[in-house]
């Protein structure tokens, strides 16, 4: 591998093995081989308008320079000026690649907006909004399925405001295998309703996204409507918003009605079937920082599951303390990676929380009362 290829391999997001360590290695390679900075793909990754120029696809990913600029996460000199230069020379604002042969394209815009399921290690581009604006002004499609997915985990809506201003949700010629805009936005509404994102629900409704759709969303939602998901996840305020927008009241099963109360933090009993059908309920409450729900669920007999791991991954220090006080085991290991909550916190760069968990001890149960002495 050439020094230029080694630099680009580590400087850019891969959506496979991303980390600050890899990007630091890229800078080490550049320091040892400064001559590679004039390579057009490297110059684009460095946001250097002096040497960046549109060129044929190349480098370790077979990308054109604009993609390297969008996915690079090393410090860049002037990425907007460099991108303007590349676009003026004929770069494609809708250039894309496919991860693991999945149908949803990872576009230039996807790279700029960043994040995803591992947002801490896949940050947004340093010039996220001005660079995304430039791309949209040059014809980038705002109906970017992968970008919408990658940014749905974080409640910040700055990207959505920008995309709506440039036509998100309106029909236009689509690249092969892209989903229709209404289905993209429907999935976004379902996720927001289930994951306590009221501002996003309001934004979507205000932009004409209907509260119901005739087709199911992502399989993770199990064909449930947005209002049903809101109630099952303890979000009655969101359910009221959807109802006001015209969503019919759902008919919750007894098990779902019990879960709705518990997730809203209302102590109640739970049938064994309700618990069996929702083994990850405490984990979902922990991900969203719903401490009242955690207490209600545990009192009703729900298991901890991986609640402490997910609270640690999300950086929810208060929820971590709640779980530890209620008896969660800081030494427990998840079944997939065999790692502790401290490791999950460290993975998402929550250093103080990782240290707290590494020093935590599971509460010792009080000793059993001795049997009363009997005189023979």
Protein backbone atom coordinates (compact mmCIF):
# COMPACT_ATOMS: atom_id res chain seq x y z
CA UNK A 1 0.00 0.00 0.00
CA UNK A 2 1.36 3.41 -0.95
CA UNK A 3 1.64 6.15 1.68
CA UNK A 4 -1.16 8.05 -0.04
CA UNK A 5 -3.46 5.03 0.10
CA UNK A 6 -2.52 4.35 3.71
CA UNK A 7 -3.35 7.95 4.63
CA UNK A 8 -6.72 7.87 2.86
CA UNK A 9 -7.61 4.46 4.34
CA UNK A 10 -7.24 5.82 7.87
CA UNK A 11 -8.37 9.43 7.34
CA UNK A 12 -11.84 8.65 6.02
CA UNK A 13 -14.90 7.09 7.57
CA UNK A 14 -15.45 3.49 6.51
CA UNK A 15 -18.59 2.68 8.53
CA UNK A 16 -16.77 -0.45 9.62
CA UNK A 17 -13.74 0.28 11.84
CA UNK A 18 -13.80 4.01 12.57
CA UNK A 19 -12.02 5.59 15.52
CA UNK A 20 -9.93 8.61 16.52
CA UNK A 21 -6.91 6.28 16.64
CA UNK A 22 -7.19 5.56 12.92
CA UNK A 23 -7.35 9.25 12.09
CA UNK A 24 -4.33 9.94 14.28
CA UNK A 25 -2.46 7.26 12.32
CA UNK A 26 -3.37 9.03 9.07
CA UNK A 27 -1.73 12.21 10.33
CA UNK A 28 1.36 10.25 11.31
CA UNK A 29 1.60 8.91 7.75
CA UNK A 30 1.21 12.43 6.36
CA UNK A 31 3.92 13.75 8.64
CA UNK A 32 6.29 11.01 7.47
CA UNK A 33 5.41 11.51 3.79
CA UNK A 34 4.50 15.18 3.26
CA UNK A 35 4.90 14.79 -0.50
CA UNK A 36 1.56 12.93 -0.71
CA UNK A 37 -0.31 16.17 0.04
CA UNK A 38 -0.22 17.07 -3.66
CA UNK A 39 -2.04 13.87 -4.63
CA UNK A 40 -5.53 15.07 -5.75
CA UNK A 41 -7.36 12.56 -3.57
CA UNK A 42 -5.21 13.31 -0.53
CA UNK A 43 -5.50 17.06 -1.15
CA UNK A 44 -9.29 16.69 -1.22
CA UNK A 45 -9.22 14.75 2.07
CA UNK A 46 -7.16 17.61 3.51
CA UNK A 47 -9.62 20.23 2.21
CA UNK A 48 -6.75 21.93 0.43
CA UNK A 49 -8.02 24.14 -2.43
CA UNK A 50 -4.45 24.72 -3.61
CA UNK A 51 -3.90 21.11 -4.70
CA UNK A 52 -7.40 19.62 -4.80
CA UNK A 53 -8.64 18.99 -8.30
CA UNK A 54 -11.31 16.82 -9.84
CA UNK A 55 -9.81 13.55 -11.02
CA UNK A 56 -10.81 10.05 -12.04
CA UNK A 57 -11.84 7.70 -9.22
CA UNK A 58 -8.82 6.33 -7.44
CA UNK A 59 -7.16 5.72 -4.10
CA UNK A 60 -7.90 2.75 -1.84
CA UNK A 61 -11.70 3.16 -2.09
CA UNK A 62 -11.93 3.86 -5.80
CA UNK A 63 -13.58 7.21 -5.08
CA UNK A 64 -13.47 10.53 -6.85
CA UNK A 65 -11.82 13.31 -4.79
CA UNK A 66 -15.11 14.87 -3.59
CA UNK A 67 -16.03 11.68 -1.73
CA UNK A 68 -12.69 11.68 0.06
CA UNK A 69 -13.29 15.30 1.07
CA UNK A 70 -16.75 14.44 2.44
CA UNK A 71 -15.73 11.34 4.40
CA UNK A 72 -12.38 12.61 5.70
CA UNK A 73 -12.28 13.41 9.41
CA UNK A 74 -8.75 14.72 9.74
CA UNK A 75 -8.46 18.52 10.13
CA UNK A 76 -9.10 20.25 6.81
CA UNK A 77 -7.74 23.59 5.67
CA UNK A 78 -10.69 25.05 3.72
CA UNK A 79 -13.10 22.27 2.76
CA UNK A 80 -15.82 24.55 1.38
CA UNK A 81 -13.42 26.30 -1.00
CA UNK A 82 -11.93 22.96 -2.02
CA UNK A 83 -15.40 21.51 -2.65
CA UNK A 84 -16.41 24.58 -4.68
CA UNK A 85 -13.35 24.05 -6.84
CA UNK A 86 -14.08 20.34 -7.35
CA UNK A 87 -17.72 21.00 -8.23
CA UNK A 88 -16.72 23.72 -10.70
CA UNK A 89 -14.41 21.20 -12.37
CA UNK A 90 -17.21 18.66 -12.84
CA UNK A 91 -17.36 16.67 -9.59
CA UNK A 92 -20.68 14.88 -9.06
CA UNK A 93 -22.59 16.22 -6.00
CA UNK A 94 -24.48 12.89 -5.92
CA UNK A 95 -21.41 10.64 -6.11
CA UNK A 96 -21.86 7.61 -3.87
CA UNK A 97 -20.57 4.25 -2.77
CA UNK A 98 -22.33 1.19 -1.31
CA UNK A 99 -21.48 -0.31 2.06
CA UNK A 100 -21.40 -4.12 2.02
CA UNK A 101 -23.41 -4.07 -1.21
CA UNK A 102 -26.42 -2.66 0.64
CA UNK A 103 -28.87 -0.87 -1.69
CA UNK A 104 -28.91 2.47 0.15
CA UNK A 105 -26.10 4.63 -1.32
CA UNK A 106 -23.62 6.43 0.91
CA UNK A 107 -23.53 9.75 -0.94
CA UNK A 108 -21.29 12.78 -0.64
CA UNK A 109 -24.05 14.35 1.48
CA UNK A 110 -24.21 11.27 3.70
CA UNK A 111 -20.51 11.64 4.41
CA UNK A 112 -20.78 15.31 5.28
CA UNK A 113 -23.69 14.78 7.70
CA UNK A 114 -21.96 11.85 9.37
CA UNK A 115 -22.97 9.93 12.49
CA UNK A 116 -24.93 6.67 12.35
CA UNK A 117 -25.15 3.89 14.91
CA UNK A 118 -21.68 4.78 16.23
CA UNK A 119 -21.86 8.58 16.16
CA UNK A 120 -19.06 9.09 18.68
CA UNK A 121 -16.57 7.53 16.27
CA UNK A 122 -18.24 8.85 13.11
CA UNK A 123 -18.63 12.57 13.78
CA UNK A 124 -20.16 15.11 11.46
CA UNK A 125 -17.87 16.88 9.02
CA UNK A 126 -16.13 19.90 10.51
CA UNK A 127 -17.93 22.13 7.95
CA UNK A 128 -21.17 20.16 8.05
CA UNK A 129 -23.83 22.81 7.38
CA UNK A 130 -21.95 25.12 4.94
CA UNK A 131 -20.63 22.13 3.01
CA UNK A 132 -24.04 20.42 2.90
CA UNK A 133 -25.58 23.71 1.75
CA UNK A 134 -23.03 23.98 -1.04
CA UNK A 135 -23.76 20.43 -2.21
CA UNK A 136 -27.52 21.00 -2.16
CA UNK A 137 -27.13 24.23 -4.11
CA UNK A 138 -25.22 22.24 -6.75
CA UNK A 139 -27.92 19.59 -7.10
CA UNK A 140 -27.34 17.07 -4.31
CA UNK A 141 -30.57 15.15 -3.69
CA UNK A 142 -32.06 16.14 -0.30
CA UNK A 143 -33.99 12.84 -0.24
CA UNK A 144 -30.93 11.02 1.05
CA UNK A 145 -32.09 7.82 2.71
CA UNK A 146 -28.77 6.89 4.30
CA UNK A 147 -28.16 10.41 5.60
CA UNK A 148 -31.62 10.47 7.20
CA UNK A 149 -30.99 7.09 8.80
CA UNK A 150 -27.55 8.00 10.09
CA UNK A 151 -28.82 11.17 11.75
CA UNK A 152 -32.05 9.78 13.24
CA UNK A 153 -30.37 8.59 16.45
CA UNK A 154 -29.45 12.11 17.58
CA UNK A 155 -32.33 14.51 18.42
CA UNK A 156 -30.60 17.50 16.77
CA UNK A 157 -32.65 18.60 13.74
CA UNK A 158 -30.33 21.12 12.10
CA UNK A 159 -29.83 18.86 9.09
CA UNK A 160 -33.58 18.35 8.64
CA UNK A 161 -34.26 22.09 8.60
CA UNK A 162 -31.63 22.42 5.87
CA UNK A 163 -32.91 19.46 3.85
CA UNK A 164 -36.52 20.63 4.02
CA UNK A 165 -35.46 24.05 2.71
CA UNK A 166 -33.95 22.29 -0.30
CA UNK A 167 -36.92 20.05 -1.09
CA UNK A 168 -36.80 17.05 1.24
CA UNK A 169 -40.00 15.08 0.76
CA UNK A 170 -40.73 16.27 -2.77
CA UNK A 171 -40.73 13.85 -5.67
CA UNK A 172 -37.83 14.07 -8.12
CA UNK A 173 -35.93 11.65 -10.33
CA UNK A 174 -34.34 9.10 -8.05
CA UNK A 175 -31.21 7.10 -8.34
CA UNK A 176 -31.77 3.33 -8.66
CA UNK A 177 -32.76 1.52 -5.46
CA UNK A 178 -33.50 4.73 -3.50
CA UNK A 179 -36.71 4.65 -1.48
CA UNK A 180 -39.56 7.11 -2.17
CA UNK A 181 -39.37 10.24 0.02
CA UNK A 182 -42.67 9.55 1.81
CA UNK A 183 -41.39 6.20 3.03
CA UNK A 184 -38.11 7.72 4.20
CA UNK A 185 -39.97 10.31 6.24
CA UNK A 186 -42.46 7.77 7.55
CA UNK A 187 -39.62 5.73 9.03
CA UNK A 188 -38.18 8.90 10.53
CA UNK A 189 -41.52 9.66 12.19
CA UNK A 190 -41.79 6.13 13.58
CA UNK A 191 -38.31 6.34 15.11
CA UNK A 192 -38.94 9.78 16.59
CA UNK A 193 -42.24 8.65 18.12
CA UNK A 194 -40.64 5.59 19.68
CA UNK A 195 -37.49 7.32 20.92
CA UNK A 196 -38.77 10.45 22.64
CA UNK A 197 -37.98 13.04 19.98
CA UNK A 198 -40.97 15.40 20.26
CA UNK A 199 -39.31 18.29 18.41
CA UNK A 200 -38.64 16.06 15.43
CA UNK A 201 -42.22 14.74 15.45
CA UNK A 202 -43.51 18.32 15.42
CA UNK A 203 -41.10 19.29 12.62
CA UNK A 204 -42.17 16.35 10.47
CA UNK A 205 -45.88 17.00 11.04
CA UNK A 206 -45.41 20.69 10.27
CA UNK A 207 -43.82 19.74 6.93
CA UNK A 208 -46.78 17.64 5.90
CA UNK A 209 -45.63 14.19 6.93
CA UNK A 210 -48.90 12.37 7.69
CA UNK A 211 -49.27 10.78 11.15
CA UNK A 212 -50.23 7.46 9.53
CA UNK A 213 -49.24 5.64 6.35
CA UNK A 214 -50.85 2.66 4.58
CA UNK A 215 -47.60 0.68 4.55
CA UNK A 216 -45.40 -0.64 7.38
CA UNK A 217 -42.13 0.98 8.29
CA UNK A 218 -38.81 -0.58 9.18
CA UNK A 219 -39.19 -4.17 10.53
CA UNK A 220 -37.84 -3.05 13.92
CA UNK A 221 -41.19 -1.31 14.50
CA UNK A 222 -43.14 -4.55 13.99
CA UNK A 223 -45.77 -2.91 11.78
CA UNK A 224 -46.89 -0.60 14.59
CA UNK A 225 -48.14 2.92 13.91
CA UNK A 226 -46.38 6.02 15.17
CA UNK A 227 -48.99 6.68 17.86
CA UNK A 228 -48.82 3.09 19.05
CA UNK A 229 -45.04 3.27 19.27
CA UNK A 230 -45.27 6.54 21.18
CA UNK A 231 -47.59 5.01 23.78
CA UNK A 232 -45.64 1.75 24.13
CA UNK A 233 -42.47 3.72 24.78
CA UNK A 234 -43.95 6.03 27.40
CA UNK A 235 -44.34 9.12 25.22
CA UNK A 236 -47.94 10.32 25.80
CA UNK A 237 -47.08 13.90 24.77
CA UNK A 238 -45.97 12.66 21.35
CA UNK A 239 -49.07 10.47 21.14
CA UNK A 240 -51.22 13.57 21.77
CA UNK A 241 -49.41 15.45 18.96
CA UNK A 242 -50.08 12.61 16.56
CA UNK A 243 -53.70 12.39 17.66
CA UNK A 244 -54.19 16.11 17.03
CA UNK A 245 -52.71 15.60 13.56
CA UNK A 246 -55.34 12.97 12.79
CA UNK A 247 -53.89 9.66 13.95
CA UNK A 248 -56.66 7.35 15.22
CA UNK A 249 -56.35 6.10 18.77
CA UNK A 250 -54.79 2.63 18.71
CA UNK A 251 -56.35 -0.38 20.37
CA UNK A 252 -53.59 -1.53 22.68
CA UNK A 253 -53.50 -5.12 23.82
CA UNK A 254 -53.57 -5.64 27.61
CA UNK A 255 -49.84 -6.34 27.51
CA UNK A 256 -49.12 -3.17 25.52
CA UNK A 257 -51.35 -1.11 27.84
CA UNK A 258 -49.37 -2.37 30.84
CA UNK A 259 -46.11 -1.57 29.11
CA UNK A 260 -47.34 1.91 28.16
CA UNK A 261 -48.06 2.75 31.79
CA UNK A 262 -44.74 1.39 32.99
CA UNK A 263 -42.73 3.17 30.30
CA UNK A 264 -44.49 6.39 31.29
CA UNK A 265 -43.21 5.82 34.83
CA UNK A 266 -46.54 4.74 36.32
CA UNK A 267 -46.05 1.86 38.79
CA UNK A 268 -48.34 -1.06 37.99
CA UNK A 269 -48.29 -4.81 37.88
CA UNK A 270 -47.22 -6.70 34.78
CA UNK A 271 -48.37 -10.10 33.66
CA UNK A 272 -45.65 -12.69 33.01
CA UNK A 273 -46.61 -12.58 29.33
CA UNK A 274 -45.97 -8.83 29.20
CA UNK A 275 -42.51 -9.33 30.68
CA UNK A 276 -41.73 -12.25 28.37
CA UNK A 277 -42.79 -10.26 25.29
CA UNK A 278 -40.65 -7.23 26.24
CA UNK A 279 -37.36 -8.49 27.70
CA UNK A 280 -35.52 -5.36 26.55
CA UNK A 281 -37.94 -2.83 28.10
CA UNK A 282 -35.50 -1.68 30.80
CA UNK A 283 -32.79 -1.36 28.17
CA UNK A 284 -35.03 0.88 26.02
CA UNK A 285 -35.85 3.05 29.03
CA UNK A 286 -32.14 3.31 29.87
CA UNK A 287 -31.22 4.34 26.32
CA UNK A 288 -33.66 7.25 26.62
CA UNK A 289 -32.72 8.20 30.19
CA UNK A 290 -36.17 7.37 31.61
CA UNK A 291 -35.27 6.74 35.23
CA UNK A 292 -38.87 6.66 36.47
CA UNK A 293 -39.70 4.04 33.88
CA UNK A 294 -36.66 2.00 34.93
CA UNK A 295 -37.85 1.93 38.53
CA UNK A 296 -41.40 1.03 37.53
CA UNK A 297 -40.27 -1.74 35.18
CA UNK A 298 -37.87 -3.32 37.66
CA UNK A 299 -40.51 -3.20 40.40
CA UNK A 300 -42.89 -5.00 38.05
CA UNK A 301 -40.38 -7.80 37.50
CA UNK A 302 -38.68 -6.88 34.22
CA UNK A 303 -35.01 -7.94 33.92
CA UNK A 304 -32.09 -5.51 33.71
CA UNK A 305 -30.91 -7.06 30.45
CA UNK A 306 -28.24 -4.84 28.89
CA UNK A 307 -29.67 -1.66 30.38
CA UNK A 308 -26.42 -0.62 32.04
CA UNK A 309 -24.45 -1.24 28.86
CA UNK A 310 -26.78 0.93 26.79
CA UNK A 311 -26.96 3.73 29.35
CA UNK A 312 -23.14 3.73 29.36
CA UNK A 313 -22.99 3.77 25.55
CA UNK A 314 -25.37 6.75 25.47
CA UNK A 315 -23.34 8.60 28.10
CA UNK A 316 -26.30 8.87 30.48
CA UNK A 317 -24.47 9.32 33.77
CA UNK A 318 -27.61 9.90 35.87
CA UNK A 319 -29.26 6.77 34.50
CA UNK A 320 -26.09 4.78 35.13
CA UNK A 321 -26.22 5.85 38.78
CA UNK A 322 -29.90 4.90 38.98
CA UNK A 323 -29.21 1.44 37.57
CA UNK A 324 -26.23 0.86 39.86
CA UNK A 325 -28.29 1.89 42.90
CA UNK A 326 -31.01 -0.54 41.86
CA UNK A 327 -28.57 -3.44 41.61
CA UNK A 328 -27.31 -3.54 38.03
CA UNK A 329 -24.04 -5.46 37.74
CA UNK A 330 -21.16 -3.29 36.43
CA UNK A 331 -19.14 -6.47 35.76
CA UNK A 332 -21.79 -8.04 33.51
CA UNK A 333 -20.66 -8.85 29.98
CA UNK A 334 -22.76 -8.59 26.86
CA UNK A 335 -23.31 -11.80 24.85
CA UNK A 336 -21.90 -10.52 21.55
CA UNK A 337 -18.57 -8.91 22.49
CA UNK A 338 -18.14 -10.22 26.08
CA UNK A 339 -17.43 -6.68 27.27
CA UNK A 340 -18.53 -4.71 30.32
CA UNK A 341 -20.51 -1.44 30.52
CA UNK A 342 -17.24 0.40 31.15
CA UNK A 343 -15.93 -0.77 27.77
CA UNK A 344 -19.14 0.39 26.07
CA UNK A 345 -18.75 3.83 27.65
CA UNK A 346 -15.11 4.01 26.56
CA UNK A 347 -16.04 2.99 23.01
CA UNK A 348 -18.23 6.10 22.73
CA UNK A 349 -15.52 8.28 24.28
CA UNK A 350 -17.30 8.79 27.62
CA UNK A 351 -14.06 8.60 29.57
CA UNK A 352 -15.31 9.80 32.96
CA UNK A 353 -18.26 7.42 32.84
CA UNK A 354 -16.02 4.53 31.81
CA UNK A 355 -13.79 5.23 34.81
CA UNK A 356 -16.82 5.40 37.14
CA UNK A 357 -18.09 2.05 35.89
CA UNK A 358 -14.69 0.38 36.05
CA UNK A 359 -14.54 1.27 39.75
CA UNK A 360 -18.16 0.38 40.53
CA UNK A 361 -19.12 -2.66 42.53
CA UNK A 362 -22.42 -4.47 42.49
CA UNK A 363 -24.35 -3.78 45.73
CA UNK A 364 -23.95 -6.62 48.20
CA UNK A 365 -27.32 -8.01 49.34
CA UNK A 366 -27.95 -7.81 53.08
CA UNK A 367 -27.15 -11.01 54.95
CA UNK A 368 -30.04 -13.31 55.74
CA UNK A 369 -31.43 -13.01 59.25
CA UNK A 370 -30.14 -15.81 61.51
CA UNK A 371 -32.61 -18.42 62.58
CA UNK A 372 -33.86 -17.87 66.14
CA UNK A 373 -32.06 -19.99 68.72
CA UNK A 374 -34.09 -22.95 69.90
CA UNK A 375 -33.52 -24.52 73.29
CA UNK A 376 -33.53 -28.30 72.99
